[in-house]
């Protein structure tokens, strides 16, 4: 069964426009800052589960939810969404994500 979330976490629709949802927007900022400080997806998921801001009513946080937030360019103010993070933060997160997912290369013996 599909979830009820119609817009990215951190926003709500008011009078036909996307506006930041205060608690969720702060959580998005925290996710970006904490990831850039070195936290893993598991670290973030565990901390979010202990927090007061659910991803969606009745759903537990998971790594996929964290990943979707970290890869969503709309948080920089794209596509009629108000910015929640800077372009620099977004770019730094994408750089770290690429390094984390890069396959390990064997060094010659």
PDB file of N, CA and C in Angstrom:
ATOM      1  N   UNK A   1       0.843  -1.180   0.000  1.00  0.00           N
ATOM      2  CA  UNK A   1       0.000   0.000   0.000  1.00  0.00           C
ATOM      3  C   UNK A   1       0.885   1.239   0.000  1.00  0.00           C
ATOM      4  N   UNK A   2       0.618   2.156  -0.865  1.00  0.00           N
ATOM      5  CA  UNK A   2       1.417   3.369  -0.996  1.00  0.00           C
ATOM      6  C   UNK A   2       1.194   4.291   0.190  1.00  0.00           C
ATOM      7  N   UNK A   3       2.244   5.090   0.499  1.00  0.00           N
ATOM      8  CA  UNK A   3       2.153   6.033   1.609  1.00  0.00           C
ATOM      9  C   UNK A   3       1.328   7.257   1.236  1.00  0.00           C
ATOM     10  N   UNK A   4       1.105   8.088   2.229  1.00  0.00           N
ATOM     11  CA  UNK A   4       0.298   9.290   2.027  1.00  0.00           C
ATOM     12  C   UNK A   4       1.127  10.503   1.644  1.00  0.00           C
ATOM     13  N   UNK A   5       2.446  10.389   1.675  1.00  0.00           N
ATOM     14  CA  UNK A   5       3.311  11.527   1.424  1.00  0.00           C
ATOM     15  C   UNK A   5       3.206  11.944  -0.045  1.00  0.00           C
ATOM     16  N   UNK A   6       2.802  13.181  -0.265  1.00  0.00           N
ATOM     17  CA  UNK A   6       2.629  13.693  -1.626  1.00  0.00           C
ATOM     18  C   UNK A   6       3.748  14.641  -2.020  1.00  0.00           C
ATOM     19  N   UNK A   7       4.427  15.223  -1.063  1.00  0.00           N
ATOM     20  CA  UNK A   7       5.535  16.126  -1.328  1.00  0.00           C
ATOM     21  C   UNK A   7       6.734  15.661  -0.515  1.00  0.00           C
ATOM     22  N   UNK A   8       7.913  16.158  -0.841  1.00  0.00           N
ATOM     23  CA  UNK A   8       9.095  15.713  -0.097  1.00  0.00           C
ATOM     24  C   UNK A   8       8.977  16.026   1.393  1.00  0.00           C
ATOM     25  N   UNK A   9       9.592  15.165   2.201  1.00  0.00           N
ATOM     26  CA  UNK A   9       9.669  15.391   3.637  1.00  0.00           C
ATOM     27  C   UNK A   9      10.281  16.774   3.865  1.00  0.00           C
ATOM     28  N   UNK A  10       9.666  17.543   4.736  1.00  0.00           N
ATOM     29  CA  UNK A  10      10.169  18.882   5.027  1.00  0.00           C
ATOM     30  C   UNK A  10       9.270  19.984   4.502  1.00  0.00           C
ATOM     31  N   UNK A  11       8.311  19.618   3.664  1.00  0.00           N
ATOM     32  CA  UNK A  11       7.415  20.603   3.062  1.00  0.00           C
ATOM     33  C   UNK A  11       5.962  20.224   3.290  1.00  0.00           C
ATOM     34  N   UNK A  12       5.122  21.214   3.166  1.00  0.00           N
ATOM     35  CA  UNK A  12       3.675  20.992   3.114  1.00  0.00           C
ATOM     36  C   UNK A  12       3.109  21.986   2.104  1.00  0.00           C
ATOM     37  N   UNK A  13       1.926  21.699   1.668  1.00  0.00           N
ATOM     38  CA  UNK A  13       1.248  22.555   0.702  1.00  0.00           C
ATOM     39  C   UNK A  13       0.308  23.476   1.463  1.00  0.00           C
ATOM     40  N   UNK A  14       0.455  24.779   1.236  1.00  0.00           N
ATOM     41  CA  UNK A  14      -0.437  25.773   1.843  1.00  0.00           C
ATOM     42  C   UNK A  14      -0.856  26.759   0.760  1.00  0.00           C
ATOM     43  N   UNK A  15      -2.135  26.855   0.545  1.00  0.00           N
ATOM     44  CA  UNK A  15      -2.690  27.783  -0.441  1.00  0.00           C
ATOM     45  C   UNK A  15      -2.028  27.610  -1.809  1.00  0.00           C
ATOM     46  N   UNK A  16      -1.813  26.371  -2.183  1.00  0.00           N
ATOM     47  CA  UNK A  16      -1.276  26.063  -3.505  1.00  0.00           C
ATOM     48  C   UNK A  16       0.222  26.255  -3.648  1.00  0.00           C
ATOM     49  N   UNK A  17       0.926  26.511  -2.552  1.00  0.00           N
ATOM     50  CA  UNK A  17       2.378  26.696  -2.619  1.00  0.00           C
ATOM     51  C   UNK A  17       3.065  25.796  -1.596  1.00  0.00           C
ATOM     52  N   UNK A  18       4.268  25.355  -1.946  1.00  0.00           N
ATOM     53  CA  UNK A  18       5.056  24.574  -1.012  1.00  0.00           C
ATOM     54  C   UNK A  18       5.663  25.506   0.030  1.00  0.00           C
ATOM     55  N   UNK A  19       5.520  25.135   1.285  1.00  0.00           N
ATOM     56  CA  UNK A  19       6.114  25.892   2.376  1.00  0.00           C
ATOM     57  C   UNK A  19       6.847  24.908   3.282  1.00  0.00           C
ATOM     58  N   UNK A  20       7.890  25.375   3.954  1.00  0.00           N
ATOM     59  CA  UNK A  20       8.585  24.477   4.871  1.00  0.00           C
ATOM     60  C   UNK A  20       7.689  24.060   6.037  1.00  0.00           C
ATOM     61  N   UNK A  21       7.718  22.803   6.366  1.00  0.00           N
ATOM     62  CA  UNK A  21       7.074  22.286   7.575  1.00  0.00           C
ATOM     63  C   UNK A  21       8.138  22.461   8.660  1.00  0.00           C
ATOM     64  N   UNK A  22       7.905  23.308   9.669  1.00  0.00           N
ATOM     65  CA  UNK A  22       8.986  23.689  10.593  1.00  0.00           C
ATOM     66  C   UNK A  22       9.779  22.525  11.184  1.00  0.00           C
ATOM     67  N   UNK A  23       9.140  21.566  11.809  1.00  0.00           N
ATOM     68  CA  UNK A  23       9.864  20.463  12.449  1.00  0.00           C
ATOM     69  C   UNK A  23      10.547  19.578  11.417  1.00  0.00           C
ATOM     70  N   UNK A  24       9.866  19.295  10.324  1.00  0.00           N
ATOM     71  CA  UNK A  24      10.458  18.450   9.285  1.00  0.00           C
ATOM     72  C   UNK A  24      11.621  19.156   8.594  1.00  0.00           C
ATOM     73  N   UNK A  25      11.483  20.446   8.313  1.00  0.00           N
ATOM     74  CA  UNK A  25      12.555  21.201   7.664  1.00  0.00           C
ATOM     75  C   UNK A  25      13.810  21.209   8.534  1.00  0.00           C
ATOM     76  N   UNK A  26      13.629  21.363   9.827  1.00  0.00           N
ATOM     77  CA  UNK A  26      14.770  21.324  10.748  1.00  0.00           C
ATOM     78  C   UNK A  26      15.405  19.940  10.743  1.00  0.00           C
ATOM     79  N   UNK A  27      14.602  18.903  10.636  1.00  0.00           N
ATOM     80  CA  UNK A  27      15.124  17.539  10.563  1.00  0.00           C
ATOM     81  C   UNK A  27      15.926  17.335   9.284  1.00  0.00           C
ATOM     82  N   UNK A  28      15.444  17.868   8.159  1.00  0.00           N
ATOM     83  CA  UNK A  28      16.185  17.779   6.895  1.00  0.00           C
ATOM     84  C   UNK A  28      17.544  18.448   7.055  1.00  0.00           C
ATOM     85  N   UNK A  29      17.577  19.638   7.628  1.00  0.00           N
ATOM     86  CA  UNK A  29      18.849  20.345   7.828  1.00  0.00           C
ATOM     87  C   UNK A  29      19.787  19.521   8.717  1.00  0.00           C
ATOM     88  N   UNK A  30      19.220  18.940   9.767  1.00  0.00           N
ATOM     89  CA  UNK A  30      20.017  18.115  10.673  1.00  0.00           C
ATOM     90  C   UNK A  30      20.596  16.902   9.941  1.00  0.00           C
ATOM     91  N   UNK A  31      19.795  16.262   9.102  1.00  0.00           N
ATOM     92  CA  UNK A  31      20.257  15.093   8.345  1.00  0.00           C
ATOM     93  C   UNK A  31      21.457  15.469   7.476  1.00  0.00           C
ATOM     94  N   UNK A  32      21.354  16.569   6.738  1.00  0.00           N
ATOM     95  CA  UNK A  32      22.464  17.003   5.878  1.00  0.00           C
ATOM     96  C   UNK A  32      23.697  17.335   6.705  1.00  0.00           C
ATOM     97  N   UNK A  33      23.542  18.094   7.768  1.00  0.00           N
ATOM     98  CA  UNK A  33      24.682  18.491   8.602  1.00  0.00           C
ATOM     99  C   UNK A  33      25.345  17.271   9.243  1.00  0.00           C
ATOM    100  N   UNK A  34      24.551  16.362   9.749  1.00  0.00           N
ATOM    101  CA  UNK A  34      25.073  15.201  10.453  1.00  0.00           C
ATOM    102  C   UNK A  34      25.754  14.234   9.491  1.00  0.00           C
ATOM    103  N   UNK A  35      25.186  14.080   8.311  1.00  0.00           N
ATOM    104  CA  UNK A  35      25.814  13.230   7.304  1.00  0.00           C
ATOM    105  C   UNK A  35      27.162  13.816   6.889  1.00  0.00           C
ATOM    106  N   UNK A  36      27.205  15.127   6.683  1.00  0.00           N
ATOM    107  CA  UNK A  36      28.469  15.768   6.307  1.00  0.00           C
ATOM    108  C   UNK A  36      29.504  15.690   7.423  1.00  0.00           C
ATOM    109  N   UNK A  37      29.041  15.567   8.664  1.00  0.00           N
ATOM    110  CA  UNK A  37      29.960  15.434   9.800  1.00  0.00           C
ATOM    111  C   UNK A  37      30.486  14.005   9.942  1.00  0.00           C
ATOM    112  N   UNK A  38      29.991  13.088   9.096  1.00  0.00           N
ATOM    113  CA  UNK A  38      30.530  11.730   9.088  1.00  0.00           C
ATOM    114  C   UNK A  38      29.578  10.619   9.474  1.00  0.00           C
ATOM    115  N   UNK A  39      28.340  10.927   9.803  1.00  0.00           N
ATOM    116  CA  UNK A  39      27.381   9.897  10.193  1.00  0.00           C
ATOM    117  C   UNK A  39      27.039   9.002   8.996  1.00  0.00           C
ATOM    118  N   UNK A  40      26.780   7.748   9.290  1.00  0.00           N
ATOM    119  CA  UNK A  40      26.345   6.800   8.258  1.00  0.00           C
ATOM    120  C   UNK A  40      24.829   6.822   8.149  1.00  0.00           C
ATOM    121  N   UNK A  41      24.301   6.165   7.142  1.00  0.00           N
ATOM    122  CA  UNK A  41      22.851   6.045   7.016  1.00  0.00           C
ATOM    123  C   UNK A  41      22.275   5.351   8.247  1.00  0.00           C
ATOM    124  N   UNK A  42      22.970   4.317   8.723  1.00  0.00           N
ATOM    125  CA  UNK A  42      22.486   3.613   9.915  1.00  0.00           C
ATOM    126  C   UNK A  42      22.477   4.527  11.134  1.00  0.00           C
ATOM    127  N   UNK A  43      23.534   5.323  11.300  1.00  0.00           N
ATOM    128  CA  UNK A  43      23.588   6.275  12.415  1.00  0.00           C
ATOM    129  C   UNK A  43      22.400   7.225  12.360  1.00  0.00           C
ATOM    130  N   UNK A  44      22.146   7.758  11.172  1.00  0.00           N
ATOM    131  CA  UNK A  44      21.047   8.706  11.000  1.00  0.00           C
ATOM    132  C   UNK A  44      19.703   8.041  11.287  1.00  0.00           C
ATOM    133  N   UNK A  45      19.508   6.853  10.745  1.00  0.00           N
ATOM    134  CA  UNK A  45      18.241   6.143  10.945  1.00  0.00           C
ATOM    135  C   UNK A  45      17.987   5.888  12.426  1.00  0.00           C
ATOM    136  N   UNK A  46      19.001   5.433  13.132  1.00  0.00           N
ATOM    137  CA  UNK A  46      18.852   5.161  14.563  1.00  0.00           C
ATOM    138  C   UNK A  46      18.510   6.428  15.336  1.00  0.00           C
ATOM    139  N   UNK A  47      19.195   7.520  15.034  1.00  0.00           N
ATOM    140  CA  UNK A  47      18.930   8.783  15.726  1.00  0.00           C
ATOM    141  C   UNK A  47      17.533   9.306  15.407  1.00  0.00           C
ATOM    142  N   UNK A  48      17.122   9.180  14.165  1.00  0.00           N
ATOM    143  CA  UNK A  48      15.790   9.659  13.765  1.00  0.00           C
ATOM    144  C   UNK A  48      14.686   8.849  14.435  1.00  0.00           C
ATOM    145  N   UNK A  49      14.909   7.555  14.609  1.00  0.00           N
ATOM    146  CA  UNK A  49      13.915   6.720  15.285  1.00  0.00           C
ATOM    147  C   UNK A  49      13.706   7.158  16.729  1.00  0.00           C
ATOM    148  N   UNK A  50      14.758   7.676  17.339  1.00  0.00           N
ATOM    149  CA  UNK A  50      14.675   8.127  18.730  1.00  0.00           C
ATOM    150  C   UNK A  50      14.107   9.543  18.834  1.00  0.00           C
ATOM    151  N   UNK A  51      14.017  10.243  17.710  1.00  0.00           N
ATOM    152  CA  UNK A  51      13.558  11.627  17.702  1.00  0.00           C
ATOM    153  C   UNK A  51      12.048  11.748  17.740  1.00  0.00           C
ATOM    154  N   UNK A  52      11.600  12.988  17.689  1.00  0.00           N
ATOM    155  CA  UNK A  52      10.170  13.290  17.807  1.00  0.00           C
ATOM    156  C   UNK A  52       9.472  13.548  16.473  1.00  0.00           C
ATOM    157  N   UNK A  53      10.212  13.487  15.364  1.00  0.00           N
ATOM    158  CA  UNK A  53       9.621  13.829  14.068  1.00  0.00           C
ATOM    159  C   UNK A  53       9.541  12.572  13.204  1.00  0.00           C
ATOM    160  N   UNK A  54       8.351  11.999  13.058  1.00  0.00           N
ATOM    161  CA  UNK A  54       8.215  10.800  12.226  1.00  0.00           C
ATOM    162  C   UNK A  54       8.299  11.148  10.746  1.00  0.00           C
ATOM    163  N   UNK A  55       8.757  10.195   9.951  1.00  0.00           N
ATOM    164  CA  UNK A  55       8.769  10.395   8.500  1.00  0.00           C
ATOM    165  C   UNK A  55       7.342  10.467   7.985  1.00  0.00           C
ATOM    166  N   UNK A  56       6.559   9.557   8.459  1.00  0.00           N
ATOM    167  CA  UNK A  56       5.140   9.501   8.113  1.00  0.00           C
ATOM    168  C   UNK A  56       4.452   8.754   9.251  1.00  0.00           C
ATOM    169  N   UNK A  57       3.254   9.148   9.581  1.00  0.00           N
ATOM    170  CA  UNK A  57       2.543   8.525  10.699  1.00  0.00           C
ATOM    171  C   UNK A  57       2.459   7.019  10.467  1.00  0.00           C
ATOM    172  N   UNK A  58       2.881   6.281  11.465  1.00  0.00           N
ATOM    173  CA  UNK A  58       2.800   4.831  11.395  1.00  0.00           C
ATOM    174  C   UNK A  58       3.960   4.155  10.689  1.00  0.00           C
ATOM    175  N   UNK A  59       4.969   4.925  10.217  1.00  0.00           N
ATOM    176  CA  UNK A  59       6.114   4.333   9.531  1.00  0.00           C
ATOM    177  C   UNK A  59       7.383   4.637  10.307  1.00  0.00           C
ATOM    178  N   UNK A  60       8.226   3.628  10.399  1.00  0.00           N
ATOM    179  CA  UNK A  60       9.526   3.810  11.023  1.00  0.00           C
ATOM    180  C   UNK A  60      10.514   4.343   9.993  1.00  0.00           C
ATOM    181  N   UNK A  61      11.469   5.124  10.458  1.00  0.00           N
ATOM    182  CA  UNK A  61      12.530   5.609   9.574  1.00  0.00           C
ATOM    183  C   UNK A  61      13.353   4.421   9.081  1.00  0.00           C
ATOM    184  N   UNK A  62      13.867   4.520   7.851  1.00  0.00           N
ATOM    185  CA  UNK A  62      14.782   3.511   7.345  1.00  0.00           C
ATOM    186  C   UNK A  62      15.824   4.182   6.456  1.00  0.00           C
ATOM    187  N   UNK A  63      16.836   3.410   6.049  1.00  0.00           N
ATOM    188  CA  UNK A  63      17.940   3.973   5.255  1.00  0.00           C
ATOM    189  C   UNK A  63      17.460   4.523   3.915  1.00  0.00           C
ATOM    190  N   UNK A  64      16.450   3.924   3.323  1.00  0.00           N
ATOM    191  CA  UNK A  64      15.957   4.409   2.032  1.00  0.00           C
ATOM    192  C   UNK A  64      15.344   5.799   2.159  1.00  0.00           C
ATOM    193  N   UNK A  65      14.647   6.041   3.263  1.00  0.00           N
ATOM    194  CA  UNK A  65      14.063   7.367   3.492  1.00  0.00           C
ATOM    195  C   UNK A  65      15.169   8.412   3.633  1.00  0.00           C
ATOM    196  N   UNK A  66      16.200   8.069   4.383  1.00  0.00           N
ATOM    197  CA  UNK A  66      17.342   8.971   4.561  1.00  0.00           C
ATOM    198  C   UNK A  66      18.007   9.226   3.212  1.00  0.00           C
ATOM    199  N   UNK A  67      18.212   8.170   2.434  1.00  0.00           N
ATOM    200  CA  UNK A  67      18.845   8.307   1.121  1.00  0.00           C
ATOM    201  C   UNK A  67      18.023   9.216   0.208  1.00  0.00           C
ATOM    202  N   UNK A  68      16.703   9.067   0.218  1.00  0.00           N
ATOM    203  CA  UNK A  68      15.849   9.919  -0.631  1.00  0.00           C
ATOM    204  C   UNK A  68      15.999  11.385  -0.250  1.00  0.00           C
ATOM    205  N   UNK A  69      16.107  11.657   1.041  1.00  0.00           N
ATOM    206  CA  UNK A  69      16.284  13.040   1.478  1.00  0.00           C
ATOM    207  C   UNK A  69      17.644  13.552   1.022  1.00  0.00           C
ATOM    208  N   UNK A  70      18.676  12.755   1.178  1.00  0.00           N
ATOM    209  CA  UNK A  70      20.021  13.202   0.822  1.00  0.00           C
ATOM    210  C   UNK A  70      20.235  13.354  -0.684  1.00  0.00           C
ATOM    211  N   UNK A  71      19.415  12.735  -1.495  1.00  0.00           N
ATOM    212  CA  UNK A  71      19.590  12.850  -2.944  1.00  0.00           C
ATOM    213  C   UNK A  71      18.592  13.807  -3.598  1.00  0.00           C
ATOM    214  N   UNK A  72      17.717  14.422  -2.824  1.00  0.00           N
ATOM    215  CA  UNK A  72      16.662  15.254  -3.394  1.00  0.00           C
ATOM    216  C   UNK A  72      17.130  16.701  -3.571  1.00  0.00           C
ATOM    217  N   UNK A  73      17.360  17.090  -4.822  1.00  0.00           N
ATOM    218  CA  UNK A  73      17.849  18.431  -5.146  1.00  0.00           C
ATOM    219  C   UNK A  73      16.832  19.528  -4.836  1.00  0.00           C
ATOM    220  N   UNK A  74      15.574  19.176  -4.644  1.00  0.00           N
ATOM    221  CA  UNK A  74      14.548  20.187  -4.375  1.00  0.00           C
ATOM    222  C   UNK A  74      14.824  20.951  -3.082  1.00  0.00           C
ATOM    223  N   UNK A  75      15.564  20.348  -2.166  1.00  0.00           N
ATOM    224  CA  UNK A  75      15.880  21.016  -0.903  1.00  0.00           C
ATOM    225  C   UNK A  75      16.760  22.251  -1.100  1.00  0.00           C
ATOM    226  N   UNK A  76      17.341  22.407  -2.290  1.00  0.00           N
ATOM    227  CA  UNK A  76      18.168  23.586  -2.574  1.00  0.00           C
ATOM    228  C   UNK A  76      17.339  24.746  -3.128  1.00  0.00           C
ATOM    229  N   UNK A  77      16.046  24.550  -3.266  1.00  0.00           N
ATOM    230  CA  UNK A  77      15.177  25.614  -3.760  1.00  0.00           C
ATOM    231  C   UNK A  77      14.780  25.451  -5.209  1.00  0.00           C
ATOM    232  N   UNK A  78      14.842  24.260  -5.715  1.00  0.00           N
ATOM    233  CA  UNK A  78      14.483  23.973  -7.111  1.00  0.00           C
ATOM    234  C   UNK A  78      12.994  23.664  -7.237  1.00  0.00           C
ATOM    235  N   UNK A  79      12.455  23.838  -8.431  1.00  0.00           N
ATOM    236  CA  UNK A  79      11.094  23.406  -8.777  1.00  0.00           C
ATOM    237  C   UNK A  79      10.016  23.984  -7.854  1.00  0.00           C
ATOM    238  N   UNK A  80      10.077  25.258  -7.576  1.00  0.00           N
ATOM    239  CA  UNK A  80       9.080  25.963  -6.758  1.00  0.00           C
ATOM    240  C   UNK A  80       9.091  25.575  -5.278  1.00  0.00           C
ATOM    241  N   UNK A  81      10.137  24.907  -4.823  1.00  0.00           N
ATOM    242  CA  UNK A  81      10.279  24.586  -3.402  1.00  0.00           C
ATOM    243  C   UNK A  81      11.197  25.623  -2.761  1.00  0.00           C
ATOM    244  N   UNK A  82      10.849  26.126  -1.580  1.00  0.00           N
ATOM    245  CA  UNK A  82      11.771  27.038  -0.898  1.00  0.00           C
ATOM    246  C   UNK A  82      13.010  26.267  -0.432  1.00  0.00           C
ATOM    247  N   UNK A  83      14.173  26.905  -0.451  1.00  0.00           N
ATOM    248  CA  UNK A  83      15.388  26.194  -0.050  1.00  0.00           C
ATOM    249  C   UNK A  83      15.413  25.871   1.439  1.00  0.00           C
ATOM    250  N   UNK A  84      15.861  24.666   1.744  1.00  0.00           N
ATOM    251  CA  UNK A  84      16.083  24.258   3.128  1.00  0.00           C
ATOM    252  C   UNK A  84      17.570  24.126   3.421  1.00  0.00           C
ATOM    253  N   UNK A  85      18.359  23.888   2.372  1.00  0.00           N
ATOM    254  CA  UNK A  85      19.814  23.758   2.504  1.00  0.00           C
ATOM    255  C   UNK A  85      20.461  24.539   1.369  1.00  0.00           C
ATOM    256  N   UNK A  86      21.758  24.756   1.489  1.00  0.00           N
ATOM    257  CA  UNK A  86      22.483  25.467   0.425  1.00  0.00           C
ATOM    258  C   UNK A  86      22.884  24.493  -0.683  1.00  0.00           C
ATOM    259  N   UNK A  87      23.154  25.050  -1.838  1.00  0.00           N
ATOM    260  CA  UNK A  87      23.643  24.240  -2.957  1.00  0.00           C
ATOM    261  C   UNK A  87      24.983  23.604  -2.587  1.00  0.00           C
ATOM    262  N   UNK A  88      25.801  24.327  -1.832  1.00  0.00           N
ATOM    263  CA  UNK A  88      27.102  23.818  -1.417  1.00  0.00           C
ATOM    264  C   UNK A  88      26.954  22.579  -0.527  1.00  0.00           C
ATOM    265  N   UNK A  89      25.993  22.626   0.409  1.00  0.00           N
ATOM    266  CA  UNK A  89      25.748  21.453   1.255  1.00  0.00           C
ATOM    267  C   UNK A  89      25.309  20.270   0.405  1.00  0.00           C
ATOM    268  N   UNK A  90      24.383  20.527  -0.506  1.00  0.00           N
ATOM    269  CA  UNK A  90      23.880  19.463  -1.363  1.00  0.00           C
ATOM    270  C   UNK A  90      25.019  18.844  -2.168  1.00  0.00           C
ATOM    271  N   UNK A  91      25.846  19.694  -2.776  1.00  0.00           N
ATOM    272  CA  UNK A  91      26.957  19.199  -3.589  1.00  0.00           C
ATOM    273  C   UNK A  91      27.945  18.399  -2.745  1.00  0.00           C
ATOM    274  N   UNK A  92      28.225  18.859  -1.528  1.00  0.00           N
ATOM    275  CA  UNK A  92      29.145  18.140  -0.646  1.00  0.00           C
ATOM    276  C   UNK A  92      28.579  16.768  -0.272  1.00  0.00           C
ATOM    277  N   UNK A  93      27.282  16.704  -0.029  1.00  0.00           N
ATOM    278  CA  UNK A  93      26.645  15.419   0.286  1.00  0.00           C
ATOM    279  C   UNK A  93      26.726  14.487  -0.912  1.00  0.00           C
ATOM    280  N   UNK A  94      26.474  14.997  -2.110  1.00  0.00           N
ATOM    281  CA  UNK A  94      26.533  14.140  -3.299  1.00  0.00           C
ATOM    282  C   UNK A  94      27.943  13.619  -3.511  1.00  0.00           C
ATOM    283  N   UNK A  95      28.924  14.455  -3.246  1.00  0.00           N
ATOM    284  CA  UNK A  95      30.316  14.028  -3.382  1.00  0.00           C
ATOM    285  C   UNK A  95      30.632  12.904  -2.388  1.00  0.00           C
ATOM    286  N   UNK A  96      30.209  13.047  -1.144  1.00  0.00           N
ATOM    287  CA  UNK A  96      30.443  12.004  -0.150  1.00  0.00           C
ATOM    288  C   UNK A  96      29.699  10.724  -0.518  1.00  0.00           C
ATOM    289  N   UNK A  97      28.464  10.853  -0.984  1.00  0.00           N
ATOM    290  CA  UNK A  97      27.684   9.673  -1.362  1.00  0.00           C
ATOM    291  C   UNK A  97      28.373   8.919  -2.498  1.00  0.00           C
ATOM    292  N   UNK A  98      28.925   9.656  -3.475  1.00  0.00           N
ATOM    293  CA  UNK A  98      29.612   9.001  -4.595  1.00  0.00           C
ATOM    294  C   UNK A  98      30.864   8.278  -4.120  1.00  0.00           C
ATOM    295  N   UNK A  99      31.598   8.912  -3.211  1.00  0.00           N
ATOM    296  CA  UNK A  99      32.806   8.264  -2.676  1.00  0.00           C
ATOM    297  C   UNK A  99      32.448   7.016  -1.892  1.00  0.00           C
ATOM    298  N   UNK A 100      31.344   7.065  -1.144  1.00  0.00           N
ATOM    299  CA  UNK A 100      30.922   5.920  -0.336  1.00  0.00           C
ATOM    300  C   UNK A 100      30.479   4.753  -1.212  1.00  0.00           C
ATOM    301  N   UNK A 101      29.893   5.058  -2.367  1.00  0.00           N
ATOM    302  CA  UNK A 101      29.367   3.986  -3.211  1.00  0.00           C
ATOM    303  C   UNK A 101      30.352   3.534  -4.279  1.00  0.00           C
ATOM    304  N   UNK A 102      31.510   4.204  -4.380  1.00  0.00           N
ATOM    305  CA  UNK A 102      32.498   3.816  -5.387  1.00  0.00           C
ATOM    306  C   UNK A 102      33.052   2.436  -5.046  1.00  0.00           C
ATOM    307  N   UNK A 103      33.174   1.573  -6.060  1.00  0.00           N
ATOM    308  CA  UNK A 103      33.704   0.239  -5.795  1.00  0.00           C
ATOM    309  C   UNK A 103      35.191   0.329  -5.399  1.00  0.00           C
ATOM    310  N   UNK A 104      35.578  -0.551  -4.519  1.00  0.00           N
ATOM    311  CA  UNK A 104      36.977  -0.597  -4.120  1.00  0.00           C
ATOM    312  C   UNK A 104      37.804  -1.183  -5.252  1.00  0.00           C
ATOM    313  N   UNK A 105      38.933  -0.559  -5.505  1.00  0.00           N
ATOM    314  CA  UNK A 105      39.824  -1.047  -6.553  1.00  0.00           C
ATOM    315  C   UNK A 105      40.951  -1.831  -5.907  1.00  0.00           C
ATOM    316  N   UNK A 106      41.280  -2.936  -6.530  1.00  0.00           N
ATOM    317  CA  UNK A 106      42.398  -3.737  -6.042  1.00  0.00           C
ATOM    318  C   UNK A 106      43.690  -3.074  -6.497  1.00  0.00           C
ATOM    319  N   UNK A 107      44.629  -3.017  -5.598  1.00  0.00           N
ATOM    320  CA  UNK A 107      45.925  -2.460  -5.960  1.00  0.00           C
ATOM    321  C   UNK A 107      46.814  -3.597  -6.443  1.00  0.00           C
ATOM    322  N   UNK A 108      47.658  -3.312  -7.427  1.00  0.00           N
ATOM    323  CA  UNK A 108      48.538  -4.366  -7.925  1.00  0.00           C
ATOM    324  C   UNK A 108      49.516  -4.835  -6.842  1.00  0.00           C
ATOM    325  N   UNK A 109      49.825  -6.109  -6.872  1.00  0.00           N
ATOM    326  CA  UNK A 109      50.703  -6.690  -5.844  1.00  0.00           C
ATOM    327  C   UNK A 109      52.139  -6.381  -6.110  1.00  0.00           C
TER     328      UNK A 109
END
